[in-house]
Amino acid sequence: MAAKSADSGVITIKKYANRRLYNTKTSSYVTLDHLAEMIKQNEDFVVVDAKTGEDLTRSVLTQIIVEQEGKGQNLLPIKFLRQIIGFYGDSLGGVLPRYLEESMDAFSQNEGRMRDAMQHAFKGFFPVEQFEDMAKQNMAMFENAMKMMTPFASQAPGQSPGQSPGQSSTQPEQPPESAAPASASGNVDALKAQLDAMQSQLEGLIKDRNT
């Protein structure tokens, strides 16, 4: 496994019985903080058991998240964690990972544009069109992810997950640019709306599962 990882450019991290982690590329022991930094630097790696070769990447990444959350920067809301736990053992549990992956991919792809837009906003410029484009892209990603779940969801034709009967599935027209408030709070509201959309989709899955 180590040779295959080296050929593909993926760094192999060996985990020993004493829980120490060894970076085979730098020939040095590393900590979970080091691995977190490697991820931020877009360095790909796999973690394997030094004795058996078993892939331990998932469990180690989970440990990194737990450690980061324990440092006070809480990115995972308690409600979201409860919802994730609720899907373990559920029939939709196998579909949820792909849905979350699609959602995070959409968010990551727009991350740079979001940062630039927020920087411009604090300089007094309100990029309405940029946020509209990002919202459309994110919604398209959400819709593609939800199409996979259609066989599992009990919903009326044309009704999106989490949408109540009789509620229109079309998005309200965007206000004219001149009507948009030229303030940083408008940008924050736009970003919050996108995050709320992800939360609504997840709540819709739970509602369909329980009906």
N, C-alpha and C. Protein backbone atom coordinates (compact mmCIF):
# COMPACT_ATOMS: atom_id res chain seq x y z
N MET A 1 0.83 -1.21 0.00
CA MET A 1 0.00 0.00 0.00
C MET A 1 0.86 1.25 0.00
N ALA A 2 1.99 1.21 0.73
CA ALA A 2 2.87 2.37 0.79
C ALA A 2 3.43 2.70 -0.58
N ALA A 3 3.81 1.65 -1.36
CA ALA A 3 4.38 1.87 -2.67
C ALA A 3 3.35 2.50 -3.61
N LYS A 4 2.14 2.00 -3.56
CA LYS A 4 1.07 2.53 -4.39
C LYS A 4 0.81 4.00 -4.07
N SER A 5 0.82 4.34 -2.78
CA SER A 5 0.59 5.72 -2.37
C SER A 5 1.69 6.62 -2.87
N ALA A 6 2.93 6.14 -2.81
CA ALA A 6 4.07 6.95 -3.25
C ALA A 6 3.97 7.23 -4.74
N ASP A 7 3.57 6.19 -5.54
CA ASP A 7 3.47 6.37 -6.98
C ASP A 7 2.40 7.38 -7.35
N SER A 8 1.33 7.43 -6.58
CA SER A 8 0.21 8.33 -6.90
C SER A 8 0.39 9.71 -6.28
N GLY A 9 1.49 9.94 -5.59
CA GLY A 9 1.72 11.24 -4.96
C GLY A 9 1.06 11.39 -3.62
N VAL A 10 0.42 10.34 -3.14
CA VAL A 10 -0.24 10.37 -1.83
C VAL A 10 0.77 9.94 -0.77
N ILE A 11 0.89 10.73 0.27
CA ILE A 11 1.85 10.45 1.35
C ILE A 11 1.29 9.38 2.27
N THR A 12 2.13 8.45 2.66
CA THR A 12 1.73 7.39 3.58
C THR A 12 2.15 7.75 5.00
N ILE A 13 1.19 7.73 5.90
CA ILE A 13 1.44 7.96 7.31
C ILE A 13 1.22 6.62 8.03
N LYS A 14 2.23 6.16 8.72
CA LYS A 14 2.12 4.90 9.44
C LYS A 14 1.75 5.15 10.90
N LYS A 15 0.79 4.39 11.38
CA LYS A 15 0.38 4.52 12.77
C LYS A 15 0.83 3.27 13.53
N TYR A 16 1.57 3.50 14.60
CA TYR A 16 2.11 2.39 15.38
C TYR A 16 1.23 2.08 16.58
N ALA A 17 1.52 0.96 17.21
CA ALA A 17 0.72 0.49 18.35
C ALA A 17 0.69 1.51 19.48
N ASN A 18 1.77 2.28 19.61
CA ASN A 18 1.82 3.30 20.66
C ASN A 18 1.14 4.60 20.25
N ARG A 19 0.38 4.53 19.14
CA ARG A 19 -0.40 5.65 18.60
C ARG A 19 0.45 6.74 17.96
N ARG A 20 1.72 6.51 17.83
CA ARG A 20 2.57 7.50 17.17
C ARG A 20 2.38 7.41 15.66
N LEU A 21 2.46 8.57 15.01
CA LEU A 21 2.26 8.67 13.57
C LEU A 21 3.58 9.00 12.90
N TYR A 22 3.91 8.27 11.82
CA TYR A 22 5.20 8.43 11.16
C TYR A 22 4.99 8.80 9.70
N ASN A 23 5.53 9.95 9.30
CA ASN A 23 5.43 10.42 7.92
C ASN A 23 6.57 9.79 7.12
N THR A 24 6.20 8.90 6.18
CA THR A 24 7.23 8.20 5.41
C THR A 24 7.92 9.10 4.40
N LYS A 25 7.33 10.24 4.07
CA LYS A 25 7.96 11.15 3.11
C LYS A 25 9.06 11.96 3.77
N THR A 26 8.80 12.46 4.97
CA THR A 26 9.79 13.27 5.67
C THR A 26 10.62 12.47 6.66
N SER A 27 10.27 11.17 6.81
CA SER A 27 10.98 10.29 7.76
C SER A 27 10.99 10.90 9.16
N SER A 28 9.83 11.34 9.60
CA SER A 28 9.72 11.97 10.91
C SER A 28 8.36 11.66 11.52
N TYR A 29 8.31 11.71 12.85
CA TYR A 29 7.04 11.50 13.55
C TYR A 29 6.24 12.80 13.51
N VAL A 30 4.93 12.67 13.39
CA VAL A 30 4.05 13.83 13.29
C VAL A 30 2.90 13.68 14.28
N THR A 31 2.18 14.77 14.47
CA THR A 31 1.02 14.78 15.35
C THR A 31 -0.25 15.03 14.52
N LEU A 32 -1.38 14.99 15.18
CA LEU A 32 -2.63 15.29 14.49
C LEU A 32 -2.65 16.73 13.99
N ASP A 33 -2.01 17.62 14.73
CA ASP A 33 -1.92 19.02 14.28
C ASP A 33 -1.15 19.11 12.97
N HIS A 34 -0.08 18.31 12.86
CA HIS A 34 0.70 18.29 11.62
C HIS A 34 -0.17 17.82 10.45
N LEU A 35 -0.95 16.79 10.70
CA LEU A 35 -1.81 16.26 9.64
C LEU A 35 -2.87 17.30 9.24
N ALA A 36 -3.37 18.04 10.23
CA ALA A 36 -4.35 19.09 9.93
C ALA A 36 -3.74 20.15 9.03
N GLU A 37 -2.49 20.50 9.30
CA GLU A 37 -1.80 21.48 8.47
C GLU A 37 -1.57 20.95 7.06
N MET A 38 -1.26 19.66 6.95
CA MET A 38 -1.06 19.05 5.64
C MET A 38 -2.33 19.14 4.82
N ILE A 39 -3.47 18.94 5.46
CA ILE A 39 -4.75 19.03 4.76
C ILE A 39 -4.98 20.46 4.27
N LYS A 40 -4.67 21.43 5.12
CA LYS A 40 -4.86 22.83 4.73
C LYS A 40 -3.93 23.22 3.59
N GLN A 41 -2.79 22.52 3.48
CA GLN A 41 -1.85 22.78 2.39
C GLN A 41 -2.13 21.91 1.17
N ASN A 42 -3.30 21.23 1.21
CA ASN A 42 -3.72 20.36 0.10
C ASN A 42 -2.76 19.20 -0.15
N GLU A 43 -2.12 18.72 0.90
CA GLU A 43 -1.27 17.54 0.79
C GLU A 43 -2.12 16.31 1.11
N ASP A 44 -2.20 15.40 0.15
CA ASP A 44 -3.04 14.21 0.32
C ASP A 44 -2.24 13.12 1.02
N PHE A 45 -2.90 12.39 1.92
CA PHE A 45 -2.22 11.32 2.62
C PHE A 45 -3.21 10.22 3.01
N VAL A 46 -2.65 9.05 3.28
CA VAL A 46 -3.43 7.94 3.83
C VAL A 46 -2.72 7.50 5.11
N VAL A 47 -3.51 7.03 6.04
CA VAL A 47 -2.94 6.53 7.31
C VAL A 47 -3.17 5.02 7.35
N VAL A 48 -2.09 4.29 7.55
CA VAL A 48 -2.19 2.83 7.58
C VAL A 48 -1.59 2.30 8.88
N ASP A 49 -2.09 1.15 9.30
CA ASP A 49 -1.52 0.49 10.46
C ASP A 49 -0.14 -0.01 10.10
N ALA A 50 0.86 0.36 10.89
CA ALA A 50 2.24 0.02 10.58
C ALA A 50 2.48 -1.49 10.54
N LYS A 51 1.67 -2.26 11.25
CA LYS A 51 1.87 -3.71 11.32
C LYS A 51 1.02 -4.46 10.30
N THR A 52 -0.25 -4.13 10.19
CA THR A 52 -1.16 -4.88 9.33
C THR A 52 -1.41 -4.23 7.97
N GLY A 53 -1.12 -2.94 7.85
CA GLY A 53 -1.39 -2.24 6.59
C GLY A 53 -2.83 -1.80 6.44
N GLU A 54 -3.65 -2.00 7.48
CA GLU A 54 -5.07 -1.61 7.43
C GLU A 54 -5.20 -0.10 7.27
N ASP A 55 -6.14 0.32 6.44
CA ASP A 55 -6.37 1.74 6.20
C ASP A 55 -7.09 2.36 7.40
N LEU A 56 -6.44 3.31 8.05
CA LEU A 56 -7.00 3.96 9.23
C LEU A 56 -7.31 5.44 8.98
N THR A 57 -7.33 5.82 7.70
CA THR A 57 -7.48 7.23 7.35
C THR A 57 -8.77 7.83 7.92
N ARG A 58 -9.89 7.13 7.76
CA ARG A 58 -11.17 7.68 8.22
C ARG A 58 -11.16 7.95 9.72
N SER A 59 -10.68 6.99 10.51
CA SER A 59 -10.69 7.17 11.96
C SER A 59 -9.75 8.29 12.39
N VAL A 60 -8.62 8.43 11.71
CA VAL A 60 -7.66 9.49 12.07
C VAL A 60 -8.23 10.86 11.70
N LEU A 61 -8.88 10.96 10.54
CA LEU A 61 -9.49 12.23 10.16
C LEU A 61 -10.57 12.62 11.16
N THR A 62 -11.32 11.62 11.63
CA THR A 62 -12.34 11.89 12.65
C THR A 62 -11.70 12.40 13.93
N GLN A 63 -10.56 11.83 14.30
CA GLN A 63 -9.84 12.29 15.50
C GLN A 63 -9.41 13.74 15.33
N ILE A 64 -8.97 14.10 14.12
CA ILE A 64 -8.55 15.48 13.87
C ILE A 64 -9.72 16.44 14.07
N ILE A 65 -10.90 16.06 13.56
CA ILE A 65 -12.08 16.90 13.72
C ILE A 65 -12.43 17.07 15.20
N VAL A 66 -12.40 15.96 15.94
CA VAL A 66 -12.71 16.02 17.38
C VAL A 66 -11.73 16.95 18.09
N GLU A 67 -10.45 16.85 17.74
CA GLU A 67 -9.44 17.68 18.39
C GLU A 67 -9.63 19.15 18.04
N GLN A 68 -9.92 19.44 16.77
CA GLN A 68 -10.13 20.82 16.36
C GLN A 68 -11.37 21.41 17.02
N GLU A 69 -12.44 20.61 17.11
CA GLU A 69 -13.65 21.09 17.77
C GLU A 69 -13.38 21.37 19.24
N GLY A 70 -12.52 20.56 19.86
CA GLY A 70 -12.20 20.75 21.27
C GLY A 70 -11.40 22.00 21.55
N LYS A 71 -10.83 22.60 20.51
CA LYS A 71 -10.04 23.81 20.68
C LYS A 71 -10.89 25.07 20.66
N GLY A 72 -12.20 24.90 20.46
CA GLY A 72 -13.09 26.05 20.55
C GLY A 72 -13.66 26.56 19.25
N GLN A 73 -13.07 26.16 18.11
CA GLN A 73 -13.63 26.60 16.84
C GLN A 73 -14.65 25.56 16.38
N ASN A 74 -15.89 25.76 16.78
CA ASN A 74 -16.93 24.77 16.53
C ASN A 74 -17.59 25.00 15.17
N LEU A 75 -17.23 24.17 14.19
CA LEU A 75 -17.80 24.27 12.86
C LEU A 75 -19.03 23.38 12.69
N LEU A 76 -19.19 22.39 13.58
CA LEU A 76 -20.29 21.45 13.46
C LEU A 76 -21.34 21.74 14.54
N PRO A 77 -22.49 22.30 14.16
CA PRO A 77 -23.54 22.59 15.14
C PRO A 77 -24.05 21.31 15.79
N ILE A 78 -24.49 21.42 17.03
CA ILE A 78 -24.99 20.26 17.77
C ILE A 78 -26.18 19.63 17.04
N LYS A 79 -27.08 20.46 16.51
CA LYS A 79 -28.24 19.92 15.80
C LYS A 79 -27.80 19.09 14.60
N PHE A 80 -26.79 19.57 13.88
CA PHE A 80 -26.28 18.86 12.71
C PHE A 80 -25.68 17.51 13.13
N LEU A 81 -24.92 17.51 14.22
CA LEU A 81 -24.32 16.27 14.71
C LEU A 81 -25.39 15.25 15.09
N ARG A 82 -26.44 15.72 15.75
CA ARG A 82 -27.54 14.82 16.12
C ARG A 82 -28.20 14.22 14.88
N GLN A 83 -28.37 15.06 13.84
CA GLN A 83 -29.00 14.58 12.62
C GLN A 83 -28.13 13.53 11.93
N ILE A 84 -26.83 13.77 11.91
CA ILE A 84 -25.92 12.80 11.30
C ILE A 84 -25.99 11.47 12.03
N ILE A 85 -25.94 11.53 13.36
CA ILE A 85 -25.99 10.30 14.16
C ILE A 85 -27.29 9.55 13.90
N GLY A 86 -28.38 10.29 13.70
CA GLY A 86 -29.68 9.67 13.47
C GLY A 86 -29.74 8.85 12.19
N PHE A 87 -28.85 9.14 11.23
CA PHE A 87 -28.86 8.42 9.97
C PHE A 87 -28.07 7.10 10.03
N TYR A 88 -27.30 6.87 11.09
CA TYR A 88 -26.57 5.61 11.20
C TYR A 88 -27.56 4.47 11.33
N GLY A 89 -27.42 3.46 10.48
CA GLY A 89 -28.32 2.32 10.51
C GLY A 89 -29.61 2.54 9.74
N ASP A 90 -29.81 3.74 9.20
CA ASP A 90 -31.02 4.05 8.45
C ASP A 90 -30.82 3.70 6.98
N SER A 91 -31.92 3.47 6.27
CA SER A 91 -31.83 3.10 4.86
C SER A 91 -31.23 4.21 4.00
N LEU A 92 -31.38 5.44 4.44
CA LEU A 92 -30.81 6.57 3.70
C LEU A 92 -29.36 6.84 4.08
N GLY A 93 -28.85 6.09 5.05
CA GLY A 93 -27.48 6.33 5.50
C GLY A 93 -26.46 6.16 4.39
N GLY A 94 -26.73 5.25 3.44
CA GLY A 94 -25.78 5.05 2.36
C GLY A 94 -25.78 6.16 1.33
N VAL A 95 -26.86 6.94 1.28
CA VAL A 95 -26.95 8.03 0.31
C VAL A 95 -26.43 9.34 0.88
N LEU A 96 -26.53 9.49 2.18
CA LEU A 96 -26.15 10.75 2.84
C LEU A 96 -24.70 11.16 2.58
N PRO A 97 -23.72 10.25 2.63
CA PRO A 97 -22.33 10.68 2.39
C PRO A 97 -22.15 11.37 1.04
N ARG A 98 -22.79 10.83 -0.01
CA ARG A 98 -22.67 11.44 -1.34
C ARG A 98 -23.33 12.82 -1.35
N TYR A 99 -24.47 12.94 -0.67
CA TYR A 99 -25.15 14.23 -0.60
C TYR A 99 -24.27 15.27 0.09
N LEU A 100 -23.68 14.89 1.23
CA LEU A 100 -22.82 15.82 1.95
C LEU A 100 -21.58 16.16 1.13
N GLU A 101 -21.06 15.18 0.41
CA GLU A 101 -19.88 15.42 -0.41
C GLU A 101 -20.19 16.42 -1.52
N GLU A 102 -21.35 16.24 -2.17
CA GLU A 102 -21.75 17.17 -3.24
C GLU A 102 -21.93 18.58 -2.68
N SER A 103 -22.54 18.67 -1.51
CA SER A 103 -22.80 19.98 -0.90
C SER A 103 -21.49 20.68 -0.54
N MET A 104 -20.57 19.93 0.06
CA MET A 104 -19.29 20.52 0.46
C MET A 104 -18.44 20.88 -0.77
N ASP A 105 -18.55 20.09 -1.84
CA ASP A 105 -17.83 20.41 -3.07
C ASP A 105 -18.31 21.75 -3.62
N ALA A 106 -19.64 21.93 -3.61
CA ALA A 106 -20.20 23.19 -4.11
C ALA A 106 -19.72 24.36 -3.26
N PHE A 107 -19.70 24.17 -1.94
CA PHE A 107 -19.26 25.24 -1.04
C PHE A 107 -17.78 25.54 -1.26
N SER A 108 -16.96 24.49 -1.41
CA SER A 108 -15.51 24.67 -1.58
C SER A 108 -15.19 25.35 -2.90
N GLN A 109 -15.92 24.98 -3.97
CA GLN A 109 -15.66 25.57 -5.27
C GLN A 109 -15.92 27.07 -5.27
N ASN A 110 -16.85 27.50 -4.42
CA ASN A 110 -17.19 28.92 -4.37
C ASN A 110 -16.47 29.65 -3.24
N GLU A 111 -15.63 28.93 -2.49
CA GLU A 111 -14.99 29.52 -1.32
C GLU A 111 -14.18 30.76 -1.68
N GLY A 112 -13.34 30.63 -2.74
CA GLY A 112 -12.51 31.76 -3.13
C GLY A 112 -13.33 32.96 -3.54
N ARG A 113 -14.39 32.70 -4.30
CA ARG A 113 -15.24 33.80 -4.74
C ARG A 113 -15.95 34.44 -3.56
N MET A 114 -16.33 33.62 -2.57
CA MET A 114 -16.99 34.17 -1.39
C MET A 114 -16.05 35.09 -0.62
N ARG A 115 -14.79 34.66 -0.49
CA ARG A 115 -13.81 35.49 0.24
C ARG A 115 -13.61 36.82 -0.47
N ASP A 116 -13.45 36.76 -1.80
CA ASP A 116 -13.25 38.00 -2.56
C ASP A 116 -14.47 38.91 -2.46
N ALA A 117 -15.65 38.30 -2.54
CA ALA A 117 -16.87 39.11 -2.48
C ALA A 117 -17.01 39.79 -1.13
N MET A 118 -16.68 39.07 -0.05
CA MET A 118 -16.78 39.67 1.28
C MET A 118 -15.77 40.79 1.46
N GLN A 119 -14.57 40.62 0.89
CA GLN A 119 -13.56 41.66 0.98
C GLN A 119 -14.03 42.93 0.27
N HIS A 120 -14.64 42.75 -0.91
CA HIS A 120 -15.16 43.90 -1.64
C HIS A 120 -16.31 44.54 -0.87
N ALA A 121 -17.11 43.70 -0.21
CA ALA A 121 -18.27 44.23 0.52
C ALA A 121 -17.84 45.19 1.61
N PHE A 122 -16.78 44.82 2.32
CA PHE A 122 -16.32 45.67 3.41
C PHE A 122 -15.64 46.94 2.90
N LYS A 123 -15.42 47.00 1.58
CA LYS A 123 -14.87 48.22 0.99
C LYS A 123 -15.99 49.08 0.42
N GLY A 124 -17.23 48.67 0.68
CA GLY A 124 -18.36 49.47 0.23
C GLY A 124 -18.96 49.01 -1.07
N PHE A 125 -18.46 47.88 -1.62
CA PHE A 125 -18.99 47.37 -2.88
C PHE A 125 -19.84 46.15 -2.60
N PHE A 126 -21.06 46.13 -3.16
CA PHE A 126 -21.98 45.01 -2.93
C PHE A 126 -22.11 44.19 -4.21
N PRO A 127 -21.47 43.02 -4.31
CA PRO A 127 -21.48 42.23 -5.54
C PRO A 127 -22.72 41.36 -5.66
N VAL A 128 -23.84 41.97 -6.01
CA VAL A 128 -25.11 41.24 -6.08
C VAL A 128 -25.02 40.11 -7.09
N GLU A 129 -24.48 40.38 -8.28
CA GLU A 129 -24.46 39.37 -9.33
C GLU A 129 -23.58 38.18 -8.93
N GLN A 130 -22.49 38.44 -8.22
CA GLN A 130 -21.62 37.33 -7.81
C GLN A 130 -22.35 36.40 -6.87
N PHE A 131 -23.08 36.94 -5.92
CA PHE A 131 -23.81 36.09 -4.98
C PHE A 131 -24.95 35.36 -5.66
N GLU A 132 -25.57 36.01 -6.67
CA GLU A 132 -26.64 35.34 -7.40
C GLU A 132 -26.09 34.14 -8.15
N ASP A 133 -24.92 34.32 -8.78
CA ASP A 133 -24.30 33.21 -9.51
C ASP A 133 -23.94 32.07 -8.57
N MET A 134 -23.36 32.40 -7.40
CA MET A 134 -22.97 31.37 -6.44
C MET A 134 -24.20 30.62 -5.93
N ALA A 135 -25.28 31.36 -5.68
CA ALA A 135 -26.50 30.73 -5.19
C ALA A 135 -27.06 29.76 -6.23
N LYS A 136 -27.04 30.16 -7.50
CA LYS A 136 -27.54 29.28 -8.56
C LYS A 136 -26.69 28.02 -8.67
N GLN A 137 -25.36 28.16 -8.57
CA GLN A 137 -24.48 27.00 -8.66
C GLN A 137 -24.72 26.06 -7.49
N ASN A 138 -24.85 26.61 -6.31
CA ASN A 138 -25.08 25.76 -5.14
C ASN A 138 -26.41 25.04 -5.23
N MET A 139 -27.45 25.73 -5.68
CA MET A 139 -28.75 25.10 -5.81
C MET A 139 -28.72 23.99 -6.84
N ALA A 140 -27.96 24.19 -7.92
CA ALA A 140 -27.85 23.14 -8.93
C ALA A 140 -27.19 21.90 -8.35
N MET A 141 -26.17 22.10 -7.53
CA MET A 141 -25.49 20.98 -6.89
C MET A 141 -26.43 20.27 -5.93
N PHE A 142 -27.22 21.05 -5.17
CA PHE A 142 -28.17 20.44 -4.24
C PHE A 142 -29.20 19.60 -5.00
N GLU A 143 -29.69 20.15 -6.12
CA GLU A 143 -30.71 19.44 -6.88
C GLU A 143 -30.16 18.14 -7.45
N ASN A 144 -28.91 18.17 -7.94
CA ASN A 144 -28.30 16.95 -8.47
C ASN A 144 -28.14 15.89 -7.38
N ALA A 145 -27.76 16.33 -6.20
CA ALA A 145 -27.59 15.39 -5.09
C ALA A 145 -28.93 14.80 -4.68
N MET A 146 -29.98 15.63 -4.69
CA MET A 146 -31.28 15.17 -4.25
C MET A 146 -31.94 14.25 -5.26
N LYS A 147 -31.56 14.34 -6.55
CA LYS A 147 -32.14 13.46 -7.56
C LYS A 147 -31.82 12.01 -7.25
N MET A 148 -30.65 11.76 -6.65
CA MET A 148 -30.29 10.39 -6.29
C MET A 148 -31.24 9.83 -5.25
N MET A 149 -31.79 10.71 -4.43
CA MET A 149 -32.60 10.26 -3.31
C MET A 149 -34.09 10.16 -3.65
N THR A 150 -34.47 10.53 -4.87
CA THR A 150 -35.88 10.54 -5.25
C THR A 150 -36.57 9.21 -5.00
N PRO A 151 -35.94 8.03 -5.33
CA PRO A 151 -36.62 6.76 -5.08
C PRO A 151 -36.91 6.51 -3.61
N PHE A 152 -36.17 7.16 -2.71
CA PHE A 152 -36.34 6.90 -1.29
C PHE A 152 -37.30 7.88 -0.63
N ALA A 153 -37.55 9.00 -1.32
CA ALA A 153 -38.33 10.06 -0.68
C ALA A 153 -39.78 9.99 -1.13
N SER A 154 -40.70 10.13 -0.17
CA SER A 154 -42.13 10.15 -0.47
C SER A 154 -42.55 11.59 -0.62
N GLN A 155 -42.64 12.03 -1.89
CA GLN A 155 -42.94 13.42 -2.13
C GLN A 155 -43.75 13.54 -3.41
N ALA A 156 -44.48 14.64 -3.52
CA ALA A 156 -45.29 14.88 -4.70
C ALA A 156 -44.41 15.28 -5.86
N PRO A 157 -44.84 15.00 -7.12
CA PRO A 157 -44.04 15.39 -8.29
C PRO A 157 -43.75 16.88 -8.26
N GLY A 158 -42.49 17.21 -8.50
CA GLY A 158 -42.10 18.62 -8.53
C GLY A 158 -41.87 19.21 -7.18
N GLN A 159 -42.13 18.42 -6.11
CA GLN A 159 -41.93 18.93 -4.75
C GLN A 159 -40.55 18.58 -4.29
N SER A 160 -39.76 19.57 -3.87
CA SER A 160 -38.41 19.31 -3.41
C SER A 160 -38.43 18.84 -1.98
N PRO A 161 -37.37 18.04 -1.54
CA PRO A 161 -37.32 17.55 -0.16
C PRO A 161 -37.41 18.69 0.82
N GLY A 162 -38.23 18.49 1.87
CA GLY A 162 -38.37 19.50 2.91
C GLY A 162 -39.38 20.56 2.56
N GLN A 163 -40.00 20.45 1.35
CA GLN A 163 -40.97 21.46 0.91
C GLN A 163 -42.37 21.01 1.28
N SER A 164 -43.13 21.86 1.88
CA SER A 164 -44.48 21.53 2.28
C SER A 164 -45.40 21.51 1.08
N PRO A 165 -46.50 20.68 1.11
CA PRO A 165 -47.43 20.62 -0.01
C PRO A 165 -47.99 21.99 -0.33
N GLY A 166 -48.11 22.25 -1.63
CA GLY A 166 -48.68 23.53 -2.05
C GLY A 166 -47.67 24.64 -2.13
N GLN A 167 -46.47 24.37 -1.64
CA GLN A 167 -45.43 25.41 -1.66
C GLN A 167 -44.76 25.41 -3.02
N SER A 168 -44.56 26.54 -3.61
CA SER A 168 -43.96 26.63 -4.93
C SER A 168 -42.51 26.23 -4.87
N SER A 169 -42.05 25.46 -5.88
CA SER A 169 -40.66 25.02 -5.92
C SER A 169 -39.78 26.02 -6.62
N THR A 170 -40.38 27.05 -7.24
CA THR A 170 -39.58 28.06 -7.93
C THR A 170 -39.04 29.05 -6.94
N GLN A 171 -37.85 29.53 -7.22
CA GLN A 171 -37.22 30.51 -6.35
C GLN A 171 -37.81 31.89 -6.62
N PRO A 172 -38.00 32.71 -5.60
CA PRO A 172 -38.52 34.06 -5.81
C PRO A 172 -37.56 34.88 -6.63
N GLU A 173 -38.11 35.78 -7.44
CA GLU A 173 -37.26 36.61 -8.26
C GLU A 173 -36.37 37.47 -7.40
N GLN A 174 -35.12 37.63 -7.89
CA GLN A 174 -34.17 38.46 -7.17
C GLN A 174 -34.59 39.92 -7.31
N PRO A 175 -34.47 40.71 -6.26
CA PRO A 175 -34.79 42.13 -6.37
C PRO A 175 -33.81 42.81 -7.30
N PRO A 176 -34.22 43.89 -7.94
CA PRO A 176 -33.29 44.62 -8.81
C PRO A 176 -32.08 45.08 -8.04
N GLU A 177 -30.98 45.19 -8.77
CA GLU A 177 -29.71 45.53 -8.11
C GLU A 177 -29.79 46.83 -7.35
N SER A 178 -30.58 47.76 -7.88
CA SER A 178 -30.68 49.06 -7.23
C SER A 178 -31.37 48.97 -5.88
N ALA A 179 -32.17 47.87 -5.69
CA ALA A 179 -32.91 47.73 -4.44
C ALA A 179 -32.09 47.02 -3.38
N ALA A 180 -30.95 46.44 -3.76
CA ALA A 180 -30.13 45.70 -2.79
C ALA A 180 -29.40 46.67 -1.88
N PRO A 181 -29.38 46.41 -0.57
CA PRO A 181 -28.70 47.29 0.37
C PRO A 181 -27.20 47.24 0.17
N ALA A 182 -26.60 48.39 0.00
CA ALA A 182 -25.14 48.43 -0.20
C ALA A 182 -24.45 48.40 1.14
N SER A 183 -24.51 47.23 1.79
CA SER A 183 -23.88 47.08 3.10
C SER A 183 -23.35 45.68 3.27
N ALA A 184 -22.46 45.49 4.21
CA ALA A 184 -21.87 44.17 4.47
C ALA A 184 -22.92 43.20 4.98
N SER A 185 -23.96 43.71 5.67
CA SER A 185 -24.98 42.82 6.22
C SER A 185 -25.72 42.09 5.11
N GLY A 186 -25.86 42.70 3.94
CA GLY A 186 -26.52 42.03 2.83
C GLY A 186 -25.74 40.82 2.37
N ASN A 187 -24.41 40.94 2.35
CA ASN A 187 -23.57 39.82 1.96
C ASN A 187 -23.69 38.67 2.95
N VAL A 188 -23.71 39.00 4.22
CA VAL A 188 -23.83 37.97 5.25
C VAL A 188 -25.16 37.25 5.12
N ASP A 189 -26.24 38.01 4.84
CA ASP A 189 -27.55 37.40 4.68
C ASP A 189 -27.57 36.45 3.50
N ALA A 190 -26.90 36.84 2.40
CA ALA A 190 -26.87 35.98 1.22
C ALA A 190 -26.14 34.68 1.51
N LEU A 191 -25.01 34.77 2.22
CA LEU A 191 -24.26 33.58 2.57
C LEU A 191 -25.05 32.70 3.52
N LYS A 192 -25.74 33.34 4.48
CA LYS A 192 -26.54 32.58 5.44
C LYS A 192 -27.67 31.84 4.74
N ALA A 193 -28.24 32.47 3.71
CA ALA A 193 -29.33 31.84 2.97
C ALA A 193 -28.87 30.55 2.30
N GLN A 194 -27.63 30.54 1.78
CA GLN A 194 -27.11 29.34 1.15
C GLN A 194 -26.90 28.23 2.17
N LEU A 195 -26.39 28.60 3.33
CA LEU A 195 -26.18 27.60 4.38
C LEU A 195 -27.51 27.08 4.91
N ASP A 196 -28.51 27.97 5.00
CA ASP A 196 -29.84 27.54 5.44
C ASP A 196 -30.45 26.56 4.45
N ALA A 197 -30.14 26.74 3.16
CA ALA A 197 -30.67 25.82 2.15
C ALA A 197 -30.16 24.41 2.38
N MET A 198 -28.86 24.28 2.72
CA MET A 198 -28.28 22.97 3.02
C MET A 198 -28.96 22.36 4.23
N GLN A 199 -29.20 23.17 5.26
CA GLN A 199 -29.84 22.67 6.48
C GLN A 199 -31.27 22.21 6.18
N SER A 200 -31.98 22.97 5.34
CA SER A 200 -33.36 22.62 5.00
C SER A 200 -33.42 21.30 4.25
N GLN A 201 -32.44 21.07 3.35
CA GLN A 201 -32.41 19.82 2.61
C GLN A 201 -32.24 18.65 3.55
N LEU A 202 -31.34 18.78 4.52
CA LEU A 202 -31.08 17.70 5.46
C LEU A 202 -32.29 17.45 6.34
N GLU A 203 -32.97 18.51 6.78
CA GLU A 203 -34.17 18.35 7.59
C GLU A 203 -35.29 17.68 6.79
N GLY A 204 -35.32 17.97 5.48
CA GLY A 204 -36.31 17.34 4.63
C GLY A 204 -36.11 15.84 4.54
N LEU A 205 -34.83 15.41 4.49
CA LEU A 205 -34.54 13.98 4.46
C LEU A 205 -35.03 13.30 5.73
N ILE A 206 -34.80 13.95 6.86
CA ILE A 206 -35.21 13.37 8.14
C ILE A 206 -36.73 13.28 8.21
N LYS A 207 -37.41 14.31 7.69
CA LYS A 207 -38.87 14.32 7.71
C LYS A 207 -39.42 13.18 6.85
N ASP A 208 -38.84 12.99 5.66
CA ASP A 208 -39.28 11.91 4.77
C ASP A 208 -39.00 10.55 5.37
N ARG A 209 -37.87 10.45 6.08
CA ARG A 209 -37.50 9.16 6.68
C ARG A 209 -38.47 8.76 7.76
N ASN A 210 -38.99 9.75 8.49
CA ASN A 210 -39.86 9.46 9.63
C ASN A 210 -41.33 9.30 9.25
N THR A 211 -41.67 9.65 7.98
CA THR A 211 -43.09 9.53 7.56
C THR A 211 -43.36 8.12 7.05
